[in-house]
Amino acid sequence: MSARRRTVTLLRIASAGLAPLAVAAYAAAPAVAHGSMTDPVSRVAACYAEGPESPRSGACKAAVAASGAQAFYDWNAVNIANAAGNHRSLIPNGQLCSAGNDKYQGLDLARADWPASPMKAGAHTFRYKGTAPHRGSFELYVTKDGYDPAKPLAWSDLEPAPFAKVTDPGMRNGDYVFSGTVPNKSGRHLIYSIWQRSDSPEAFYTCSDVVFGKDNGGSAPKPSGKPSSKPSAKPSDAATPSEAPTEAPSAPTDQQIADGSGKSSVEHNGHGDNDPKTNGNAAAAAAPVSSIPAQAPAPQGGNLAETGGSSATPAIAIGGAGVLATGAAVLFALARRRAATGRHGR
């Protein structure tokens, strides 16, 4: 074999041998997280704001006990990677709040004491913290009259049609902001959100507990099984151990998000490709649902995300390429040395 052919062969071997290292490093990049509802505050966001290590409310304490603190440090990643709009067929009844993900099973606890945001019928401005913005659509559903929070949430508990639906809403201070008309309800209810990306089959889900007027604890029966003669917010009237909420939930602040990001197992900021074809709109805009443009302009100067990567991706890719280049250079030098030795020995 000629020196040239030996060199080419060795280079091919180097590429084949070192490429898996670069691929493995790429695969080790943290998953990309995307966000959660903050107005009204979702269960997972509320418990994260309380503190995953020492939550205050009885419901969040129980949720952390069921799921572990890590699930709440990963508060912005309740998703299904390949949903593609098939939400009802992929998520079983009783597991809507966790999106069928065991990691978040604490969010599915059937309790009448989840911290609940005050809500009124009529126009409302909704906010959804987008830690990695994308193009896509939001749908909001509210529970039917007679909803019982002390029973596992089923798809049949939701009104059949979303009361708000918007595509590519604008962003303000890191939140998607859009408007909708909330139907007339009374007592304790739940608002369920579905964020389906249009540039990927991935979708995200949230459960936000709300109270219209006075908190009646839902329509849960008493522990004895006998129907309650009148609604009551007392803990003893709930079908599961609970504590009456003393205050509305709070959304996590930017400082809380920053402080907890180091303990999160998911990446928060996307990987900044700035591609208007795949990413969301970070422009400051809050328009009514009916007037949101279908194609929002690309954000300026923000970090965005796309499927399957994170902000660490470019560095990992560069590192992998560097490994390949270094290995190839070493083998190339060895091959040239051997070729030179062969020529001199003739």
C-alpha atoms as a PDB file:
ATOM      1  CA  MET A   1       0.000   0.000   0.000  1.00  0.00           C
ATOM      2  CA  SER A   2       1.355   3.446  -0.947  1.00  0.00           C
ATOM      3  CA  ALA A   3       2.028   6.091   1.711  1.00  0.00           C
ATOM      4  CA  ARG A   4      -0.843   8.182   0.367  1.00  0.00           C
ATOM      5  CA  ARG A   5      -3.309   5.337   0.597  1.00  0.00           C
ATOM      6  CA  ARG A   6      -2.102   4.437   4.108  1.00  0.00           C
ATOM      7  CA  THR A   7      -2.666   8.059   5.162  1.00  0.00           C
ATOM      8  CA  VAL A   8      -6.201   8.154   3.762  1.00  0.00           C
ATOM      9  CA  THR A   9      -7.033   4.835   5.417  1.00  0.00           C
ATOM     10  CA  LEU A  10      -5.768   6.009   8.803  1.00  0.00           C
ATOM     11  CA  LEU A  11      -7.763   9.232   8.536  1.00  0.00           C
ATOM     12  CA  ARG A  12     -10.927   7.280   7.798  1.00  0.00           C
ATOM     13  CA  ILE A  13     -10.278   5.063  10.816  1.00  0.00           C
ATOM     14  CA  ALA A  14      -9.784   8.133  12.979  1.00  0.00           C
ATOM     15  CA  SER A  15     -13.052   9.654  11.854  1.00  0.00           C
ATOM     16  CA  ALA A  16     -14.957   6.409  12.421  1.00  0.00           C
ATOM     17  CA  GLY A  17     -13.451   5.887  15.840  1.00  0.00           C
ATOM     18  CA  LEU A  18     -13.785   9.395  17.201  1.00  0.00           C
ATOM     19  CA  ALA A  19     -17.169  10.356  15.744  1.00  0.00           C
ATOM     20  CA  PRO A  20     -19.112   8.366  18.376  1.00  0.00           C
ATOM     21  CA  LEU A  21     -17.390  10.449  21.061  1.00  0.00           C
ATOM     22  CA  ALA A  22     -18.697  13.648  19.511  1.00  0.00           C
ATOM     23  CA  VAL A  23     -22.174  12.131  19.097  1.00  0.00           C
ATOM     24  CA  ALA A  24     -22.187  10.976  22.718  1.00  0.00           C
ATOM     25  CA  ALA A  25     -21.221  14.432  23.892  1.00  0.00           C
ATOM     26  CA  TYR A  26     -23.959  15.990  21.781  1.00  0.00           C
ATOM     27  CA  ALA A  27     -26.523  13.567  23.190  1.00  0.00           C
ATOM     28  CA  ALA A  28     -25.445  14.460  26.726  1.00  0.00           C
ATOM     29  CA  ALA A  29     -26.683  18.032  26.282  1.00  0.00           C
ATOM     30  CA  PRO A  30     -29.470  18.892  28.751  1.00  0.00           C
ATOM     31  CA  ALA A  31     -33.054  18.758  27.535  1.00  0.00           C
ATOM     32  CA  VAL A  32     -34.624  22.057  26.593  1.00  0.00           C
ATOM     33  CA  ALA A  33     -37.385  23.336  28.852  1.00  0.00           C
ATOM     34  CA  HIS A  34     -40.044  25.660  27.537  1.00  0.00           C
ATOM     35  CA  GLY A  35     -42.372  27.177  30.117  1.00  0.00           C
ATOM     36  CA  SER A  36     -45.584  27.115  32.123  1.00  0.00           C
ATOM     37  CA  MET A  37     -48.710  29.176  32.751  1.00  0.00           C
ATOM     38  CA  THR A  38     -48.170  32.024  35.204  1.00  0.00           C
ATOM     39  CA  ASP A  39     -51.543  33.812  34.991  1.00  0.00           C
ATOM     40  CA  PRO A  40     -53.447  31.974  36.253  1.00  0.00           C
ATOM     41  CA  VAL A  41     -50.548  30.255  38.015  1.00  0.00           C
ATOM     42  CA  SER A  42     -50.127  26.580  37.165  1.00  0.00           C
ATOM     43  CA  ARG A  43     -49.740  23.968  39.891  1.00  0.00           C
ATOM     44  CA  VAL A  44     -46.141  23.218  39.004  1.00  0.00           C
ATOM     45  CA  ALA A  45     -45.179  26.909  38.849  1.00  0.00           C
ATOM     46  CA  ALA A  46     -46.923  27.638  42.152  1.00  0.00           C
ATOM     47  CA  CYS A  47     -45.123  24.820  43.965  1.00  0.00           C
ATOM     48  CA  TYR A  48     -41.785  25.854  42.469  1.00  0.00           C
ATOM     49  CA  ALA A  49     -42.397  29.420  43.688  1.00  0.00           C
ATOM     50  CA  GLU A  50     -43.144  28.103  47.184  1.00  0.00           C
ATOM     51  CA  GLY A  51     -39.799  26.272  47.149  1.00  0.00           C
ATOM     52  CA  PRO A  52     -39.283  22.634  46.079  1.00  0.00           C
ATOM     53  CA  GLU A  53     -37.406  21.829  49.294  1.00  0.00           C
ATOM     54  CA  SER A  54     -39.918  23.367  51.707  1.00  0.00           C
ATOM     55  CA  PRO A  55     -43.281  24.237  50.141  1.00  0.00           C
ATOM     56  CA  ARG A  56     -45.846  25.981  52.344  1.00  0.00           C
ATOM     57  CA  SER A  57     -49.227  24.699  51.148  1.00  0.00           C
ATOM     58  CA  GLY A  58     -50.567  21.267  51.967  1.00  0.00           C
ATOM     59  CA  ALA A  59     -51.131  20.441  48.282  1.00  0.00           C
ATOM     60  CA  CYS A  60     -47.579  21.371  47.260  1.00  0.00           C
ATOM     61  CA  LYS A  61     -46.149  19.449  50.210  1.00  0.00           C
ATOM     62  CA  ALA A  62     -48.065  16.370  49.047  1.00  0.00           C
ATOM     63  CA  ALA A  63     -47.032  16.920  45.420  1.00  0.00           C
ATOM     64  CA  VAL A  64     -43.342  17.142  46.331  1.00  0.00           C
ATOM     65  CA  ALA A  65     -43.703  14.031  48.506  1.00  0.00           C
ATOM     66  CA  ALA A  66     -45.188  12.171  45.519  1.00  0.00           C
ATOM     67  CA  SER A  67     -42.835  13.446  42.786  1.00  0.00           C
ATOM     68  CA  GLY A  68     -39.709  14.618  44.598  1.00  0.00           C
ATOM     69  CA  ALA A  69     -38.232  18.096  44.572  1.00  0.00           C
ATOM     70  CA  GLN A  70     -36.478  17.643  41.205  1.00  0.00           C
ATOM     71  CA  ALA A  71     -39.774  17.639  39.321  1.00  0.00           C
ATOM     72  CA  PHE A  72     -40.396  21.168  40.582  1.00  0.00           C
ATOM     73  CA  TYR A  73     -36.930  22.443  39.788  1.00  0.00           C
ATOM     74  CA  ASP A  74     -37.887  21.194  36.296  1.00  0.00           C
ATOM     75  CA  TRP A  75     -41.166  23.131  36.470  1.00  0.00           C
ATOM     76  CA  ASN A  76     -41.080  24.254  32.825  1.00  0.00           C
ATOM     77  CA  ALA A  77     -40.868  20.851  31.135  1.00  0.00           C
ATOM     78  CA  VAL A  78     -44.264  19.135  31.530  1.00  0.00           C
ATOM     79  CA  ASN A  79     -44.450  17.946  27.945  1.00  0.00           C
ATOM     80  CA  ILE A  80     -44.888  15.172  25.406  1.00  0.00           C
ATOM     81  CA  ALA A  81     -42.185  15.212  22.738  1.00  0.00           C
ATOM     82  CA  ASN A  82     -44.245  13.585  19.974  1.00  0.00           C
ATOM     83  CA  ALA A  83     -47.772  14.767  20.799  1.00  0.00           C
ATOM     84  CA  ALA A  84     -48.561  16.148  17.319  1.00  0.00           C
ATOM     85  CA  GLY A  85     -52.027  17.193  18.467  1.00  0.00           C
ATOM     86  CA  ASN A  86     -52.981  13.737  19.767  1.00  0.00           C
ATOM     87  CA  HIS A  87     -53.393  14.938  23.346  1.00  0.00           C
ATOM     88  CA  ARG A  88     -56.509  12.985  24.308  1.00  0.00           C
ATOM     89  CA  SER A  89     -55.229   9.688  22.977  1.00  0.00           C
ATOM     90  CA  LEU A  90     -51.804  10.042  24.599  1.00  0.00           C
ATOM     91  CA  ILE A  91     -52.744  11.340  28.066  1.00  0.00           C
ATOM     92  CA  PRO A  92     -54.854   8.980  30.222  1.00  0.00           C
ATOM     93  CA  ASN A  93     -57.717  10.217  32.359  1.00  0.00           C
ATOM     94  CA  GLY A  94     -56.464  11.118  35.812  1.00  0.00           C
ATOM     95  CA  GLN A  95     -53.068  12.152  34.440  1.00  0.00           C
ATOM     96  CA  LEU A  96     -53.845  15.371  32.584  1.00  0.00           C
ATOM     97  CA  CYS A  97     -51.776  17.627  34.853  1.00  0.00           C
ATOM     98  CA  SER A  98     -48.661  15.451  34.547  1.00  0.00           C
ATOM     99  CA  ALA A  99     -49.240  14.791  30.826  1.00  0.00           C
ATOM    100  CA  GLY A 100     -48.933  11.106  31.684  1.00  0.00           C
ATOM    101  CA  ASN A 101     -45.356  11.613  32.901  1.00  0.00           C
ATOM    102  CA  ASP A 102     -44.557   9.726  36.125  1.00  0.00           C
ATOM    103  CA  LYS A 103     -41.983  12.366  36.997  1.00  0.00           C
ATOM    104  CA  TYR A 104     -44.812  14.865  37.591  1.00  0.00           C
ATOM    105  CA  GLN A 105     -47.362  12.501  39.136  1.00  0.00           C
ATOM    106  CA  GLY A 106     -47.726  14.766  42.173  1.00  0.00           C
ATOM    107  CA  LEU A 107     -49.516  17.298  39.963  1.00  0.00           C
ATOM    108  CA  ASP A 108     -52.354  14.807  39.444  1.00  0.00           C
ATOM    109  CA  LEU A 109     -53.255  14.552  43.129  1.00  0.00           C
ATOM    110  CA  ALA A 110     -57.025  14.934  43.481  1.00  0.00           C
ATOM    111  CA  ARG A 111     -57.382  17.567  46.202  1.00  0.00           C
ATOM    112  CA  ALA A 112     -59.704  20.464  46.904  1.00  0.00           C
ATOM    113  CA  ASP A 113     -56.980  22.603  48.457  1.00  0.00           C
ATOM    114  CA  TRP A 114     -54.589  23.387  45.604  1.00  0.00           C
ATOM    115  CA  PRO A 115     -53.577  27.067  45.796  1.00  0.00           C
ATOM    116  CA  ALA A 116     -56.070  28.783  43.493  1.00  0.00           C
ATOM    117  CA  SER A 117     -56.006  32.095  41.640  1.00  0.00           C
ATOM    118  CA  PRO A 118     -59.062  34.391  41.749  1.00  0.00           C
ATOM    119  CA  MET A 119     -60.854  34.407  38.404  1.00  0.00           C
ATOM    120  CA  LYS A 120     -63.766  36.345  36.923  1.00  0.00           C
ATOM    121  CA  ALA A 121     -65.929  35.764  33.889  1.00  0.00           C
ATOM    122  CA  GLY A 122     -65.227  38.015  30.929  1.00  0.00           C
ATOM    123  CA  ALA A 123     -62.061  39.344  29.326  1.00  0.00           C
ATOM    124  CA  HIS A 124     -58.808  38.219  30.909  1.00  0.00           C
ATOM    125  CA  THR A 125     -55.160  38.626  29.956  1.00  0.00           C
ATOM    126  CA  PHE A 126     -53.266  35.358  30.228  1.00  0.00           C
ATOM    127  CA  ARG A 127     -49.521  34.967  30.692  1.00  0.00           C
ATOM    128  CA  TYR A 128     -47.357  31.970  29.975  1.00  0.00           C
ATOM    129  CA  LYS A 129     -43.665  32.082  30.907  1.00  0.00           C
ATOM    130  CA  GLY A 130     -41.717  31.032  27.803  1.00  0.00           C
ATOM    131  CA  THR A 131     -38.237  29.990  28.876  1.00  0.00           C
ATOM    132  CA  ALA A 132     -37.586  28.737  25.336  1.00  0.00           C
ATOM    133  CA  PRO A 133     -39.992  30.428  22.906  1.00  0.00           C
ATOM    134  CA  HIS A 134     -41.422  28.652  19.860  1.00  0.00           C
ATOM    135  CA  ARG A 135     -44.049  29.191  17.249  1.00  0.00           C
ATOM    136  CA  GLY A 136     -47.254  27.376  18.039  1.00  0.00           C
ATOM    137  CA  SER A 137     -50.793  27.616  19.360  1.00  0.00           C
ATOM    138  CA  PHE A 138     -52.306  27.798  22.837  1.00  0.00           C
ATOM    139  CA  GLU A 139     -55.683  26.346  23.793  1.00  0.00           C
ATOM    140  CA  LEU A 140     -57.323  26.960  27.166  1.00  0.00           C
ATOM    141  CA  TYR A 141     -60.117  24.799  28.569  1.00  0.00           C
ATOM    142  CA  VAL A 142     -62.117  25.239  31.765  1.00  0.00           C
ATOM    143  CA  THR A 143     -63.833  22.535  33.779  1.00  0.00           C
ATOM    144  CA  LYS A 144     -67.566  21.957  33.494  1.00  0.00           C
ATOM    145  CA  ASP A 145     -70.121  22.997  36.079  1.00  0.00           C
ATOM    146  CA  GLY A 146     -70.121  20.429  38.869  1.00  0.00           C
ATOM    147  CA  TYR A 147     -66.361  19.833  38.619  1.00  0.00           C
ATOM    148  CA  ASP A 148     -65.096  17.926  41.660  1.00  0.00           C
ATOM    149  CA  PRO A 149     -61.413  18.652  42.415  1.00  0.00           C
ATOM    150  CA  ALA A 150     -61.332  15.780  44.900  1.00  0.00           C
ATOM    151  CA  LYS A 151     -61.656  13.327  42.016  1.00  0.00           C
ATOM    152  CA  PRO A 152     -58.954  12.589  39.398  1.00  0.00           C
ATOM    153  CA  LEU A 153     -59.231  15.017  36.480  1.00  0.00           C
ATOM    154  CA  ALA A 154     -60.638  13.385  33.349  1.00  0.00           C
ATOM    155  CA  TRP A 155     -60.957  14.747  29.823  1.00  0.00           C
ATOM    156  CA  SER A 156     -64.732  14.597  30.270  1.00  0.00           C
ATOM    157  CA  ASP A 157     -64.418  17.107  33.138  1.00  0.00           C
ATOM    158  CA  LEU A 158     -63.361  19.806  30.661  1.00  0.00           C
ATOM    159  CA  GLU A 159     -65.727  21.810  28.507  1.00  0.00           C
ATOM    160  CA  PRO A 160     -65.559  20.268  25.003  1.00  0.00           C
ATOM    161  CA  ALA A 161     -64.233  23.390  23.270  1.00  0.00           C
ATOM    162  CA  PRO A 162     -61.452  25.760  24.322  1.00  0.00           C
ATOM    163  CA  PHE A 163     -62.675  29.153  25.538  1.00  0.00           C
ATOM    164  CA  ALA A 164     -59.469  30.765  24.279  1.00  0.00           C
ATOM    165  CA  LYS A 165     -57.251  29.835  21.356  1.00  0.00           C
ATOM    166  CA  VAL A 166     -54.353  31.801  19.906  1.00  0.00           C
ATOM    167  CA  THR A 167     -51.517  31.222  17.444  1.00  0.00           C
ATOM    168  CA  ASP A 168     -48.071  32.798  17.814  1.00  0.00           C
ATOM    169  CA  PRO A 169     -48.929  35.301  20.552  1.00  0.00           C
ATOM    170  CA  GLY A 170     -46.500  38.100  21.316  1.00  0.00           C
ATOM    171  CA  MET A 171     -44.170  38.142  24.307  1.00  0.00           C
ATOM    172  CA  ARG A 172     -43.670  40.702  27.062  1.00  0.00           C
ATOM    173  CA  ASN A 173     -40.882  40.413  29.635  1.00  0.00           C
ATOM    174  CA  GLY A 174     -40.403  36.739  28.838  1.00  0.00           C
ATOM    175  CA  ASP A 175     -44.114  35.880  28.961  1.00  0.00           C
ATOM    176  CA  TYR A 176     -46.442  35.003  26.134  1.00  0.00           C
ATOM    177  CA  VAL A 177     -49.330  37.441  26.563  1.00  0.00           C
ATOM    178  CA  PHE A 178     -52.768  36.902  25.040  1.00  0.00           C
ATOM    179  CA  SER A 179     -56.412  37.596  25.827  1.00  0.00           C
ATOM    180  CA  GLY A 180     -59.486  35.438  26.085  1.00  0.00           C
ATOM    181  CA  THR A 181     -63.070  35.588  27.313  1.00  0.00           C
ATOM    182  CA  VAL A 182     -63.580  33.449  30.397  1.00  0.00           C
ATOM    183  CA  PRO A 183     -67.035  31.823  30.674  1.00  0.00           C
ATOM    184  CA  ASN A 184     -69.282  32.375  33.668  1.00  0.00           C
ATOM    185  CA  LYS A 185     -68.548  29.910  36.470  1.00  0.00           C
ATOM    186  CA  SER A 186     -68.817  29.788  40.246  1.00  0.00           C
ATOM    187  CA  GLY A 187     -66.668  28.275  42.949  1.00  0.00           C
ATOM    188  CA  ARG A 188     -63.533  26.208  42.391  1.00  0.00           C
ATOM    189  CA  HIS A 189     -62.537  25.206  38.851  1.00  0.00           C
ATOM    190  CA  LEU A 190     -59.451  24.348  36.810  1.00  0.00           C
ATOM    191  CA  ILE A 191     -58.068  25.853  33.611  1.00  0.00           C
ATOM    192  CA  TYR A 192     -56.156  23.423  31.421  1.00  0.00           C
ATOM    193  CA  SER A 193     -53.697  24.704  28.841  1.00  0.00           C
ATOM    194  CA  ILE A 194     -52.220  22.968  25.816  1.00  0.00           C
ATOM    195  CA  TRP A 195     -49.312  24.585  23.981  1.00  0.00           C
ATOM    196  CA  GLN A 196     -48.755  22.741  20.701  1.00  0.00           C
ATOM    197  CA  ARG A 197     -45.674  23.747  18.767  1.00  0.00           C
ATOM    198  CA  SER A 198     -46.065  24.235  15.023  1.00  0.00           C
ATOM    199  CA  ASP A 199     -42.371  23.641  14.258  1.00  0.00           C
ATOM    200  CA  SER A 200     -42.312  20.324  16.123  1.00  0.00           C
ATOM    201  CA  PRO A 201     -44.753  17.634  17.355  1.00  0.00           C
ATOM    202  CA  GLU A 202     -43.852  18.601  20.935  1.00  0.00           C
ATOM    203  CA  ALA A 203     -46.584  19.950  23.231  1.00  0.00           C
ATOM    204  CA  PHE A 204     -46.722  21.332  26.783  1.00  0.00           C
ATOM    205  CA  TYR A 205     -49.487  21.116  29.376  1.00  0.00           C
ATOM    206  CA  THR A 206     -50.524  22.930  32.564  1.00  0.00           C
ATOM    207  CA  CYS A 207     -53.225  22.800  35.215  1.00  0.00           C
ATOM    208  CA  SER A 208     -54.170  26.078  36.900  1.00  0.00           C
ATOM    209  CA  ASP A 209     -56.588  26.010  39.836  1.00  0.00           C
ATOM    210  CA  VAL A 210     -58.933  28.995  39.936  1.00  0.00           C
ATOM    211  CA  VAL A 211     -61.804  30.272  42.076  1.00  0.00           C
ATOM    212  CA  PHE A 212     -64.783  32.223  40.779  1.00  0.00           C
ATOM    213  CA  GLY A 213     -66.187  34.226  43.664  1.00  0.00           C
ATOM    214  CA  LYS A 214     -66.138  32.262  46.920  1.00  0.00           C
ATOM    215  CA  ASP A 215     -64.069  29.081  47.202  1.00  0.00           C
ATOM    216  CA  ASN A 216     -66.607  26.327  47.769  1.00  0.00           C
ATOM    217  CA  GLY A 217     -64.046  23.502  47.671  1.00  0.00           C
ATOM    218  CA  GLY A 218     -65.641  22.224  44.510  1.00  0.00           C
ATOM    219  CA  SER A 219     -68.558  19.820  44.576  1.00  0.00           C
ATOM    220  CA  ALA A 220     -66.659  17.168  46.529  1.00  0.00           C
ATOM    221  CA  PRO A 221     -68.771  14.992  48.836  1.00  0.00           C
ATOM    222  CA  LYS A 222     -67.990  14.634  52.512  1.00  0.00           C
ATOM    223  CA  PRO A 223     -65.678  11.767  53.576  1.00  0.00           C
ATOM    224  CA  SER A 224     -68.740   9.861  54.837  1.00  0.00           C
ATOM    225  CA  GLY A 225     -69.965   9.576  51.267  1.00  0.00           C
ATOM    226  CA  LYS A 226     -73.122  11.535  52.019  1.00  0.00           C
ATOM    227  CA  PRO A 227     -73.770  14.537  49.803  1.00  0.00           C
ATOM    228  CA  SER A 228     -72.961  17.879  51.355  1.00  0.00           C
ATOM    229  CA  SER A 229     -76.015  20.006  52.141  1.00  0.00           C
ATOM    230  CA  LYS A 230     -74.161  23.148  51.100  1.00  0.00           C
ATOM    231  CA  PRO A 231     -70.767  24.025  49.652  1.00  0.00           C
ATOM    232  CA  SER A 232     -67.990  24.492  52.162  1.00  0.00           C
ATOM    233  CA  ALA A 233     -64.313  25.375  52.011  1.00  0.00           C
ATOM    234  CA  LYS A 234     -63.525  23.596  55.294  1.00  0.00           C
ATOM    235  CA  PRO A 235     -60.751  20.986  55.019  1.00  0.00           C
ATOM    236  CA  SER A 236     -63.023  18.356  56.613  1.00  0.00           C
ATOM    237  CA  ASP A 237     -65.405  18.651  53.663  1.00  0.00           C
ATOM    238  CA  ALA A 238     -62.793  17.536  51.126  1.00  0.00           C
ATOM    239  CA  ALA A 239     -62.582  13.921  50.028  1.00  0.00           C
ATOM    240  CA  THR A 240     -58.822  13.895  50.672  1.00  0.00           C
ATOM    241  CA  PRO A 241     -56.731  15.361  53.502  1.00  0.00           C
ATOM    242  CA  SER A 242     -56.292  19.030  52.744  1.00  0.00           C
ATOM    243  CA  GLU A 243     -55.763  22.503  54.078  1.00  0.00           C
ATOM    244  CA  ALA A 244     -57.917  25.431  52.998  1.00  0.00           C
ATOM    245  CA  PRO A 245     -55.775  27.751  50.871  1.00  0.00           C
ATOM    246  CA  THR A 246     -55.007  30.961  52.768  1.00  0.00           C
ATOM    247  CA  GLU A 247     -53.643  32.920  49.823  1.00  0.00           C
ATOM    248  CA  ALA A 248     -53.546  32.897  46.050  1.00  0.00           C
ATOM    249  CA  PRO A 249     -50.514  31.217  44.463  1.00  0.00           C
ATOM    250  CA  SER A 250     -47.587  33.276  43.222  1.00  0.00           C
ATOM    251  CA  ALA A 251     -45.757  32.808  39.949  1.00  0.00           C
ATOM    252  CA  PRO A 252     -41.990  32.313  40.242  1.00  0.00           C
ATOM    253  CA  THR A 253     -40.069  35.548  39.969  1.00  0.00           C
ATOM    254  CA  ASP A 254     -37.181  36.000  37.551  1.00  0.00           C
ATOM    255  CA  GLN A 255     -34.845  35.858  40.546  1.00  0.00           C
ATOM    256  CA  GLN A 256     -36.352  32.568  41.728  1.00  0.00           C
ATOM    257  CA  ILE A 257     -36.027  31.138  38.233  1.00  0.00           C
ATOM    258  CA  ALA A 258     -32.389  32.207  38.045  1.00  0.00           C
ATOM    259  CA  ASP A 259     -31.617  30.913  41.543  1.00  0.00           C
ATOM    260  CA  GLY A 260     -33.108  27.486  40.809  1.00  0.00           C
ATOM    261  CA  SER A 261     -31.729  27.002  37.301  1.00  0.00           C
ATOM    262  CA  GLY A 262     -28.550  25.425  38.652  1.00  0.00           C
ATOM    263  CA  LYS A 263     -30.604  22.642  40.263  1.00  0.00           C
ATOM    264  CA  SER A 264     -32.716  22.059  37.178  1.00  0.00           C
ATOM    265  CA  SER A 265     -31.991  19.050  34.992  1.00  0.00           C
ATOM    266  CA  VAL A 266     -33.370  20.852  31.935  1.00  0.00           C
ATOM    267  CA  GLU A 267     -31.897  23.813  30.066  1.00  0.00           C
ATOM    268  CA  HIS A 268     -33.831  27.066  30.383  1.00  0.00           C
ATOM    269  CA  ASN A 269     -32.828  29.419  27.586  1.00  0.00           C
ATOM    270  CA  GLY A 270     -32.810  27.484  24.321  1.00  0.00           C
ATOM    271  CA  HIS A 271     -29.798  27.565  22.027  1.00  0.00           C
ATOM    272  CA  GLY A 272     -30.278  30.821  20.230  1.00  0.00           C
ATOM    273  CA  ASP A 273     -30.542  29.969  16.545  1.00  0.00           C
ATOM    274  CA  ASN A 274     -32.666  33.104  15.933  1.00  0.00           C
ATOM    275  CA  ASP A 275     -34.483  31.375  13.082  1.00  0.00           C
ATOM    276  CA  PRO A 276     -37.844  33.097  12.468  1.00  0.00           C
ATOM    277  CA  LYS A 277     -39.140  29.991  10.698  1.00  0.00           C
ATOM    278  CA  THR A 278     -38.978  27.820  13.815  1.00  0.00           C
ATOM    279  CA  ASN A 279     -38.963  30.112  16.815  1.00  0.00           C
ATOM    280  CA  GLY A 280     -41.490  32.167  18.704  1.00  0.00           C
ATOM    281  CA  ASN A 281     -42.127  35.853  18.776  1.00  0.00           C
ATOM    282  CA  ALA A 282     -40.457  37.782  21.578  1.00  0.00           C
ATOM    283  CA  ALA A 283     -41.893  41.160  20.548  1.00  0.00           C
ATOM    284  CA  ALA A 284     -43.723  42.986  23.319  1.00  0.00           C
ATOM    285  CA  ALA A 285     -47.365  42.644  22.338  1.00  0.00           C
ATOM    286  CA  ALA A 286     -50.569  41.703  24.084  1.00  0.00           C
ATOM    287  CA  ALA A 287     -53.474  41.678  21.677  1.00  0.00           C
ATOM    288  CA  PRO A 288     -56.945  40.112  21.817  1.00  0.00           C
ATOM    289  CA  VAL A 289     -57.106  36.505  20.668  1.00  0.00           C
ATOM    290  CA  SER A 290     -58.991  37.406  17.514  1.00  0.00           C
ATOM    291  CA  SER A 291     -56.352  39.882  16.367  1.00  0.00           C
ATOM    292  CA  ILE A 292     -53.133  37.934  16.949  1.00  0.00           C
ATOM    293  CA  PRO A 293     -51.242  37.659  13.638  1.00  0.00           C
ATOM    294  CA  ALA A 294     -50.673  34.152  12.325  1.00  0.00           C
ATOM    295  CA  GLN A 295     -47.073  34.914  11.465  1.00  0.00           C
ATOM    296  CA  ALA A 296     -45.321  36.934  14.155  1.00  0.00           C
ATOM    297  CA  PRO A 297     -42.039  38.700  13.435  1.00  0.00           C
ATOM    298  CA  ALA A 298     -38.802  37.154  14.615  1.00  0.00           C
ATOM    299  CA  PRO A 299     -37.561  38.270  18.037  1.00  0.00           C
ATOM    300  CA  GLN A 300     -34.658  40.670  18.273  1.00  0.00           C
ATOM    301  CA  GLY A 301     -31.628  39.744  20.318  1.00  0.00           C
ATOM    302  CA  GLY A 302     -33.284  36.965  22.357  1.00  0.00           C
ATOM    303  CA  ASN A 303     -32.346  33.364  22.976  1.00  0.00           C
ATOM    304  CA  LEU A 304     -34.768  30.964  21.341  1.00  0.00           C
ATOM    305  CA  ALA A 305     -34.962  27.205  21.129  1.00  0.00           C
ATOM    306  CA  GLU A 306     -35.773  24.440  18.716  1.00  0.00           C
ATOM    307  CA  THR A 307     -36.339  20.724  19.111  1.00  0.00           C
ATOM    308  CA  GLY A 308     -33.515  18.547  20.316  1.00  0.00           C
ATOM    309  CA  GLY A 309     -30.931  21.061  21.455  1.00  0.00           C
ATOM    310  CA  SER A 310     -29.897  23.562  24.053  1.00  0.00           C
ATOM    311  CA  SER A 311     -27.603  26.525  24.505  1.00  0.00           C
ATOM    312  CA  ALA A 312     -24.817  24.051  25.157  1.00  0.00           C
ATOM    313  CA  THR A 313     -25.233  22.469  21.746  1.00  0.00           C
ATOM    314  CA  PRO A 314     -22.875  24.740  19.757  1.00  0.00           C
ATOM    315  CA  ALA A 315     -20.099  24.332  22.318  1.00  0.00           C
ATOM    316  CA  ILE A 316     -20.534  20.577  22.350  1.00  0.00           C
ATOM    317  CA  ALA A 317     -20.520  20.406  18.577  1.00  0.00           C
ATOM    318  CA  ILE A 318     -17.374  22.525  18.406  1.00  0.00           C
ATOM    319  CA  GLY A 319     -15.758  20.382  21.075  1.00  0.00           C
ATOM    320  CA  GLY A 320     -16.611  17.212  19.183  1.00  0.00           C
ATOM    321  CA  ALA A 321     -15.204  18.647  15.983  1.00  0.00           C
ATOM    322  CA  GLY A 322     -12.059  19.600  17.867  1.00  0.00           C
ATOM    323  CA  VAL A 323     -11.625  16.060  19.115  1.00  0.00           C
ATOM    324  CA  LEU A 324     -11.971  14.717  15.597  1.00  0.00           C
ATOM    325  CA  ALA A 325      -9.544  17.256  14.188  1.00  0.00           C
ATOM    326  CA  THR A 326      -6.930  16.563  16.863  1.00  0.00           C
ATOM    327  CA  GLY A 327      -7.155  12.796  16.444  1.00  0.00           C
ATOM    328  CA  ALA A 328      -6.988  13.064  12.686  1.00  0.00           C
ATOM    329  CA  ALA A 329      -3.970  15.361  12.850  1.00  0.00           C
ATOM    330  CA  VAL A 330      -2.081  12.943  15.111  1.00  0.00           C
ATOM    331  CA  LEU A 331      -2.764   9.976  12.846  1.00  0.00           C
ATOM    332  CA  PHE A 332      -1.922  12.043   9.786  1.00  0.00           C
ATOM    333  CA  ALA A 333       1.457  12.930  11.276  1.00  0.00           C
ATOM    334  CA  LEU A 334       2.143   9.298  12.139  1.00  0.00           C
ATOM    335  CA  ALA A 335       1.204   8.228   8.647  1.00  0.00           C
ATOM    336  CA  ARG A 336       3.536  10.785   7.053  1.00  0.00           C
ATOM    337  CA  ARG A 337       6.363   9.704   9.340  1.00  0.00           C
ATOM    338  CA  ARG A 338       5.852   6.073   8.399  1.00  0.00           C
ATOM    339  CA  ALA A 339       5.658   6.986   4.740  1.00  0.00           C
ATOM    340  CA  ALA A 340       8.921   8.959   4.976  1.00  0.00           C
ATOM    341  CA  THR A 341      10.628   6.108   6.784  1.00  0.00           C
ATOM    342  CA  GLY A 342       9.508   3.738   4.089  1.00  0.00           C
ATOM    343  CA  ARG A 343      10.930   5.951   1.350  1.00  0.00           C
ATOM    344  CA  HIS A 344      14.281   6.338   3.071  1.00  0.00           C
ATOM    345  CA  GLY A 345      14.531   2.619   3.689  1.00  0.00           C
ATOM    346  CA  ARG A 346      14.203   1.755   0.042  1.00  0.00           C
END
